[in-house]
Amino acid sequence: MSSTSQRILIIEDASLVRLYYRDIIGRAGFEIEEALNGLEALEKLMMRPADLLIVDINMPKMDGLTFLRTLRSQPLPIASIPALMISTEAAPADIAAARAAGANFYLVKPVPPDILLRYVTLLCGPKPA
């Protein structure tokens, strides 16, 4: 993996969903790291910031909404990392809560591979060479 690849942190407690994202995004040339919940993600981000966050809502220890609110209260540049929230929650109130917490975009699972890559590229920039 080249040192210039963009790093994406997948914050998701379901192992199959992490595998799905990792396969799609990793094959596109992005560096992937994973966290099982928001608390673990914050710890990882304090050690090494990411270029993009993919965040689930429902997770143990620290859910995605609490994670985003906590992240957005941190000093720059960590507070400004783009976040793509992807959840099974599809009600307008869920989407509004995610945006209020600091999500840049919100997608409802399941997300087709081409749509996932489109949003990753939009938020993270062009795929690494």
N, C-alpha and C. Protein backbone atom coordinates (compact mmCIF):
# COMPACT_ATOMS: atom_id res chain seq x y z
N MET A 1 0.85 -1.17 0.00
CA MET A 1 0.00 0.00 0.00
C MET A 1 0.89 1.24 0.00
N SER A 2 0.60 2.17 -0.86
CA SER A 2 1.44 3.37 -0.95
C SER A 2 1.13 4.31 0.20
N SER A 3 2.11 5.10 0.58
CA SER A 3 1.93 6.02 1.69
C SER A 3 1.05 7.20 1.30
N THR A 4 0.75 7.36 0.01
CA THR A 4 -0.10 8.45 -0.44
C THR A 4 -1.56 8.05 -0.54
N SER A 5 -1.90 6.80 -0.25
CA SER A 5 -3.29 6.39 -0.36
C SER A 5 -4.13 7.07 0.72
N GLN A 6 -5.36 7.32 0.36
CA GLN A 6 -6.27 7.97 1.29
C GLN A 6 -6.82 6.92 2.25
N ARG A 7 -6.93 7.32 3.51
CA ARG A 7 -7.31 6.38 4.57
C ARG A 7 -8.77 6.58 4.95
N ILE A 8 -9.51 5.49 4.94
CA ILE A 8 -10.92 5.52 5.31
C ILE A 8 -11.11 4.66 6.54
N LEU A 9 -11.77 5.23 7.55
CA LEU A 9 -12.08 4.50 8.77
C LEU A 9 -13.54 4.07 8.71
N ILE A 10 -13.75 2.75 8.72
CA ILE A 10 -15.10 2.18 8.72
C ILE A 10 -15.48 1.92 10.17
N ILE A 11 -16.56 2.55 10.61
CA ILE A 11 -17.00 2.42 12.00
C ILE A 11 -18.34 1.69 11.97
N GLU A 12 -18.27 0.40 12.25
CA GLU A 12 -19.42 -0.50 12.04
C GLU A 12 -19.21 -1.73 12.90
N ASP A 13 -20.25 -2.14 13.64
CA ASP A 13 -20.10 -3.31 14.50
C ASP A 13 -20.37 -4.64 13.79
N ALA A 14 -21.02 -4.64 12.66
CA ALA A 14 -21.34 -5.87 11.94
C ALA A 14 -20.17 -6.29 11.04
N SER A 15 -19.60 -7.45 11.30
CA SER A 15 -18.42 -7.88 10.56
C SER A 15 -18.68 -8.07 9.07
N LEU A 16 -19.85 -8.57 8.68
CA LEU A 16 -20.15 -8.75 7.26
C LEU A 16 -20.27 -7.42 6.53
N VAL A 17 -20.81 -6.43 7.19
CA VAL A 17 -20.93 -5.10 6.58
C VAL A 17 -19.54 -4.49 6.42
N ARG A 18 -18.69 -4.63 7.44
CA ARG A 18 -17.31 -4.13 7.31
C ARG A 18 -16.58 -4.82 6.17
N LEU A 19 -16.76 -6.12 6.04
CA LEU A 19 -16.14 -6.87 4.95
C LEU A 19 -16.62 -6.36 3.59
N TYR A 20 -17.90 -6.11 3.46
CA TYR A 20 -18.49 -5.60 2.22
C TYR A 20 -17.86 -4.26 1.85
N TYR A 21 -17.84 -3.33 2.80
CA TYR A 21 -17.24 -2.01 2.54
C TYR A 21 -15.75 -2.13 2.22
N ARG A 22 -15.04 -2.93 3.02
CA ARG A 22 -13.60 -3.09 2.83
C ARG A 22 -13.28 -3.64 1.44
N ASP A 23 -14.07 -4.61 1.00
CA ASP A 23 -13.84 -5.20 -0.32
C ASP A 23 -14.03 -4.16 -1.43
N ILE A 24 -15.12 -3.45 -1.39
CA ILE A 24 -15.43 -2.46 -2.44
C ILE A 24 -14.43 -1.30 -2.42
N ILE A 25 -14.23 -0.72 -1.28
CA ILE A 25 -13.39 0.47 -1.17
C ILE A 25 -11.90 0.11 -1.29
N GLY A 26 -11.52 -1.01 -0.71
CA GLY A 26 -10.13 -1.44 -0.79
C GLY A 26 -9.71 -1.76 -2.22
N ARG A 27 -10.59 -2.42 -2.98
CA ARG A 27 -10.27 -2.71 -4.38
C ARG A 27 -10.13 -1.44 -5.20
N ALA A 28 -10.74 -0.36 -4.76
CA ALA A 28 -10.63 0.92 -5.47
C ALA A 28 -9.33 1.65 -5.12
N GLY A 29 -8.53 1.10 -4.20
CA GLY A 29 -7.22 1.66 -3.92
C GLY A 29 -7.11 2.48 -2.65
N PHE A 30 -8.15 2.48 -1.84
CA PHE A 30 -8.10 3.24 -0.59
C PHE A 30 -7.57 2.35 0.54
N GLU A 31 -6.89 2.97 1.48
CA GLU A 31 -6.43 2.26 2.68
C GLU A 31 -7.59 2.20 3.66
N ILE A 32 -7.81 1.04 4.25
CA ILE A 32 -8.97 0.83 5.13
C ILE A 32 -8.50 0.54 6.55
N GLU A 33 -9.17 1.15 7.51
CA GLU A 33 -9.02 0.77 8.91
C GLU A 33 -10.44 0.61 9.44
N GLU A 34 -10.59 -0.19 10.49
CA GLU A 34 -11.91 -0.49 11.02
C GLU A 34 -11.98 -0.22 12.51
N ALA A 35 -13.18 0.15 12.96
CA ALA A 35 -13.48 0.29 14.38
C ALA A 35 -14.87 -0.32 14.61
N LEU A 36 -15.04 -0.97 15.75
CA LEU A 36 -16.30 -1.66 16.05
C LEU A 36 -17.36 -0.75 16.66
N ASN A 37 -16.95 0.45 17.10
CA ASN A 37 -17.90 1.39 17.70
C ASN A 37 -17.26 2.78 17.72
N GLY A 38 -18.04 3.76 18.12
CA GLY A 38 -17.56 5.13 18.13
C GLY A 38 -16.42 5.38 19.09
N LEU A 39 -16.42 4.72 20.23
CA LEU A 39 -15.35 4.90 21.21
C LEU A 39 -14.01 4.42 20.64
N GLU A 40 -14.01 3.25 20.03
CA GLU A 40 -12.80 2.72 19.41
C GLU A 40 -12.35 3.64 18.25
N ALA A 41 -13.31 4.16 17.51
CA ALA A 41 -12.99 5.05 16.39
C ALA A 41 -12.31 6.33 16.89
N LEU A 42 -12.82 6.92 17.96
CA LEU A 42 -12.19 8.13 18.51
C LEU A 42 -10.75 7.86 18.92
N GLU A 43 -10.52 6.72 19.57
CA GLU A 43 -9.16 6.36 19.98
C GLU A 43 -8.24 6.24 18.76
N LYS A 44 -8.71 5.60 17.71
CA LYS A 44 -7.90 5.43 16.50
C LYS A 44 -7.64 6.77 15.82
N LEU A 45 -8.65 7.64 15.79
CA LEU A 45 -8.48 8.94 15.14
C LEU A 45 -7.50 9.84 15.91
N MET A 46 -7.44 9.70 17.22
CA MET A 46 -6.50 10.50 18.00
C MET A 46 -5.06 10.07 17.72
N MET A 47 -4.88 8.80 17.37
CA MET A 47 -3.54 8.31 17.05
C MET A 47 -3.17 8.60 15.60
N ARG A 48 -4.15 8.54 14.71
CA ARG A 48 -3.89 8.73 13.28
C ARG A 48 -5.19 9.15 12.58
N PRO A 49 -5.31 10.42 12.19
CA PRO A 49 -6.53 10.88 11.52
C PRO A 49 -6.78 10.16 10.19
N ALA A 50 -8.02 10.17 9.76
CA ALA A 50 -8.42 9.55 8.51
C ALA A 50 -8.86 10.64 7.53
N ASP A 51 -9.00 10.24 6.27
CA ASP A 51 -9.49 11.16 5.24
C ASP A 51 -11.01 11.13 5.11
N LEU A 52 -11.62 10.03 5.56
CA LEU A 52 -13.07 9.85 5.48
C LEU A 52 -13.51 8.85 6.52
N LEU A 53 -14.71 9.07 7.06
CA LEU A 53 -15.31 8.16 8.02
C LEU A 53 -16.59 7.60 7.42
N ILE A 54 -16.77 6.29 7.53
CA ILE A 54 -18.04 5.66 7.18
C ILE A 54 -18.61 5.15 8.49
N VAL A 55 -19.78 5.67 8.87
CA VAL A 55 -20.29 5.49 10.23
C VAL A 55 -21.68 4.86 10.23
N ASP A 56 -21.86 3.84 11.06
CA ASP A 56 -23.17 3.25 11.32
C ASP A 56 -23.80 4.00 12.49
N ILE A 57 -25.12 3.91 12.64
CA ILE A 57 -25.78 4.55 13.79
C ILE A 57 -25.77 3.62 14.99
N ASN A 58 -26.32 2.43 14.83
CA ASN A 58 -26.53 1.52 15.95
C ASN A 58 -25.31 0.67 16.22
N MET A 59 -24.58 1.02 17.29
CA MET A 59 -23.39 0.27 17.70
C MET A 59 -23.32 0.27 19.23
N PRO A 60 -22.65 -0.75 19.80
CA PRO A 60 -22.48 -0.77 21.26
C PRO A 60 -21.44 0.26 21.71
N LYS A 61 -21.42 0.53 23.00
CA LYS A 61 -20.48 1.42 23.67
C LYS A 61 -20.66 2.88 23.29
N MET A 62 -20.57 3.22 22.01
CA MET A 62 -20.84 4.58 21.55
C MET A 62 -21.46 4.50 20.16
N ASP A 63 -22.71 4.95 20.04
CA ASP A 63 -23.39 4.86 18.75
C ASP A 63 -22.86 5.94 17.80
N GLY A 64 -23.28 5.85 16.55
CA GLY A 64 -22.78 6.75 15.52
C GLY A 64 -23.13 8.21 15.73
N LEU A 65 -24.32 8.49 16.24
CA LEU A 65 -24.72 9.88 16.47
C LEU A 65 -23.88 10.51 17.58
N THR A 66 -23.69 9.78 18.66
CA THR A 66 -22.85 10.28 19.76
C THR A 66 -21.41 10.45 19.28
N PHE A 67 -20.93 9.48 18.49
CA PHE A 67 -19.59 9.59 17.94
C PHE A 67 -19.44 10.87 17.11
N LEU A 68 -20.36 11.13 16.20
CA LEU A 68 -20.24 12.31 15.35
C LEU A 68 -20.31 13.61 16.16
N ARG A 69 -21.22 13.67 17.12
CA ARG A 69 -21.30 14.88 17.96
C ARG A 69 -19.99 15.09 18.72
N THR A 70 -19.42 14.01 19.25
CA THR A 70 -18.15 14.10 19.96
C THR A 70 -17.02 14.51 19.02
N LEU A 71 -16.98 13.90 17.86
CA LEU A 71 -15.95 14.22 16.86
C LEU A 71 -16.02 15.69 16.46
N ARG A 72 -17.20 16.18 16.18
CA ARG A 72 -17.36 17.57 15.72
C ARG A 72 -17.02 18.59 16.81
N SER A 73 -16.95 18.15 18.07
CA SER A 73 -16.57 19.06 19.15
C SER A 73 -15.07 19.09 19.40
N GLN A 74 -14.31 18.27 18.68
CA GLN A 74 -12.85 18.20 18.83
C GLN A 74 -12.19 19.35 18.08
N PRO A 75 -10.92 19.63 18.37
CA PRO A 75 -10.22 20.68 17.62
C PRO A 75 -10.00 20.27 16.16
N LEU A 76 -9.81 21.28 15.34
CA LEU A 76 -9.44 21.03 13.94
C LEU A 76 -8.04 20.45 13.90
N PRO A 77 -7.66 19.66 12.96
CA PRO A 77 -8.43 19.26 11.79
C PRO A 77 -9.31 18.04 12.02
N ILE A 78 -9.21 17.39 13.18
CA ILE A 78 -9.95 16.14 13.39
C ILE A 78 -11.46 16.37 13.30
N ALA A 79 -11.94 17.51 13.74
CA ALA A 79 -13.38 17.78 13.72
C ALA A 79 -13.93 17.93 12.32
N SER A 80 -13.07 18.17 11.36
CA SER A 80 -13.55 18.43 10.00
C SER A 80 -13.47 17.22 9.06
N ILE A 81 -13.13 16.06 9.58
CA ILE A 81 -13.05 14.87 8.73
C ILE A 81 -14.45 14.57 8.18
N PRO A 82 -14.59 14.42 6.87
CA PRO A 82 -15.91 14.12 6.30
C PRO A 82 -16.45 12.79 6.81
N ALA A 83 -17.77 12.74 7.00
CA ALA A 83 -18.41 11.53 7.51
C ALA A 83 -19.61 11.15 6.64
N LEU A 84 -19.60 9.91 6.21
CA LEU A 84 -20.71 9.33 5.47
C LEU A 84 -21.41 8.36 6.40
N MET A 85 -22.64 8.67 6.80
CA MET A 85 -23.38 7.79 7.69
C MET A 85 -24.21 6.84 6.84
N ILE A 86 -24.10 5.55 7.14
CA ILE A 86 -24.84 4.52 6.42
C ILE A 86 -25.54 3.65 7.46
N SER A 87 -26.88 3.59 7.39
CA SER A 87 -27.64 2.88 8.41
C SER A 87 -28.89 2.24 7.81
N THR A 88 -29.47 1.31 8.55
CA THR A 88 -30.76 0.75 8.16
C THR A 88 -31.90 1.68 8.56
N GLU A 89 -31.61 2.63 9.43
CA GLU A 89 -32.63 3.60 9.86
C GLU A 89 -32.94 4.53 8.70
N ALA A 90 -34.21 4.59 8.28
CA ALA A 90 -34.55 5.33 7.07
C ALA A 90 -35.59 6.43 7.29
N ALA A 91 -36.02 6.64 8.52
CA ALA A 91 -37.03 7.66 8.79
C ALA A 91 -36.43 9.05 8.62
N PRO A 92 -37.24 10.02 8.17
CA PRO A 92 -36.73 11.39 8.04
C PRO A 92 -36.11 11.93 9.33
N ALA A 93 -36.64 11.53 10.48
CA ALA A 93 -36.07 11.99 11.76
C ALA A 93 -34.67 11.44 11.97
N ASP A 94 -34.41 10.22 11.52
CA ASP A 94 -33.07 9.63 11.65
C ASP A 94 -32.07 10.38 10.77
N ILE A 95 -32.49 10.70 9.56
CA ILE A 95 -31.63 11.42 8.63
C ILE A 95 -31.34 12.82 9.17
N ALA A 96 -32.37 13.48 9.70
CA ALA A 96 -32.19 14.82 10.28
C ALA A 96 -31.26 14.77 11.49
N ALA A 97 -31.41 13.74 12.32
CA ALA A 97 -30.54 13.60 13.50
C ALA A 97 -29.09 13.40 13.07
N ALA A 98 -28.88 12.61 12.03
CA ALA A 98 -27.51 12.37 11.53
C ALA A 98 -26.90 13.66 11.00
N ARG A 99 -27.65 14.41 10.27
CA ARG A 99 -27.13 15.68 9.74
C ARG A 99 -26.85 16.66 10.87
N ALA A 100 -27.74 16.70 11.86
CA ALA A 100 -27.52 17.59 13.01
C ALA A 100 -26.28 17.18 13.80
N ALA A 101 -26.00 15.89 13.83
CA ALA A 101 -24.82 15.39 14.56
C ALA A 101 -23.52 15.66 13.81
N GLY A 102 -23.62 15.93 12.49
CA GLY A 102 -22.41 16.24 11.73
C GLY A 102 -22.13 15.36 10.54
N ALA A 103 -23.08 14.52 10.12
CA ALA A 103 -22.87 13.69 8.93
C ALA A 103 -22.92 14.57 7.68
N ASN A 104 -22.00 14.34 6.77
CA ASN A 104 -22.01 15.08 5.50
C ASN A 104 -23.06 14.54 4.56
N PHE A 105 -23.22 13.20 4.53
CA PHE A 105 -24.24 12.55 3.72
C PHE A 105 -24.78 11.37 4.50
N TYR A 106 -25.98 10.92 4.11
CA TYR A 106 -26.64 9.80 4.78
C TYR A 106 -27.17 8.86 3.71
N LEU A 107 -26.80 7.59 3.81
CA LEU A 107 -27.30 6.57 2.90
C LEU A 107 -27.98 5.47 3.71
N VAL A 108 -28.96 4.81 3.08
CA VAL A 108 -29.69 3.73 3.74
C VAL A 108 -29.19 2.40 3.20
N LYS A 109 -28.88 1.47 4.12
CA LYS A 109 -28.44 0.13 3.75
C LYS A 109 -29.59 -0.63 3.11
N PRO A 110 -29.29 -1.51 2.17
CA PRO A 110 -27.98 -1.80 1.59
C PRO A 110 -27.61 -0.78 0.52
N VAL A 111 -26.34 -0.46 0.44
CA VAL A 111 -25.84 0.51 -0.53
C VAL A 111 -25.14 -0.24 -1.65
N PRO A 112 -25.59 -0.07 -2.90
CA PRO A 112 -24.91 -0.73 -4.02
C PRO A 112 -23.46 -0.25 -4.14
N PRO A 113 -22.56 -1.11 -4.60
CA PRO A 113 -21.13 -0.75 -4.69
C PRO A 113 -20.86 0.54 -5.46
N ASP A 114 -21.53 0.76 -6.59
CA ASP A 114 -21.26 1.96 -7.37
C ASP A 114 -21.68 3.23 -6.63
N ILE A 115 -22.75 3.16 -5.87
CA ILE A 115 -23.19 4.32 -5.08
C ILE A 115 -22.20 4.57 -3.94
N LEU A 116 -21.77 3.51 -3.27
CA LEU A 116 -20.80 3.66 -2.19
C LEU A 116 -19.53 4.34 -2.70
N LEU A 117 -19.00 3.86 -3.83
CA LEU A 117 -17.78 4.46 -4.38
C LEU A 117 -18.00 5.89 -4.84
N ARG A 118 -19.18 6.18 -5.34
CA ARG A 118 -19.48 7.56 -5.77
C ARG A 118 -19.39 8.52 -4.58
N TYR A 119 -19.96 8.14 -3.44
CA TYR A 119 -19.92 9.00 -2.26
C TYR A 119 -18.53 9.06 -1.65
N VAL A 120 -17.82 7.93 -1.64
CA VAL A 120 -16.45 7.92 -1.13
C VAL A 120 -15.59 8.88 -1.94
N THR A 121 -15.72 8.81 -3.26
CA THR A 121 -14.93 9.69 -4.13
C THR A 121 -15.34 11.15 -3.96
N LEU A 122 -16.62 11.40 -3.80
CA LEU A 122 -17.10 12.77 -3.59
C LEU A 122 -16.50 13.38 -2.31
N LEU A 123 -16.50 12.59 -1.24
CA LEU A 123 -16.06 13.09 0.06
C LEU A 123 -14.55 13.03 0.27
N CYS A 124 -13.91 12.08 -0.39
CA CYS A 124 -12.49 11.82 -0.13
C CYS A 124 -11.60 12.34 -1.27
N GLY A 125 -12.19 12.67 -2.39
CA GLY A 125 -11.42 13.09 -3.54
C GLY A 125 -11.23 11.93 -4.49
N PRO A 126 -10.53 12.16 -5.59
CA PRO A 126 -10.33 11.10 -6.59
C PRO A 126 -9.62 9.89 -5.99
N LYS A 127 -9.88 8.75 -6.58
CA LYS A 127 -9.23 7.52 -6.14
C LYS A 127 -7.73 7.67 -6.28
N PRO A 128 -6.96 7.09 -5.35
CA PRO A 128 -5.50 7.16 -5.44
C PRO A 128 -5.00 6.51 -6.73
N ALA A 129 -3.88 7.01 -7.21
CA ALA A 129 -3.30 6.44 -8.44
C ALA A 129 -2.64 5.11 -8.17
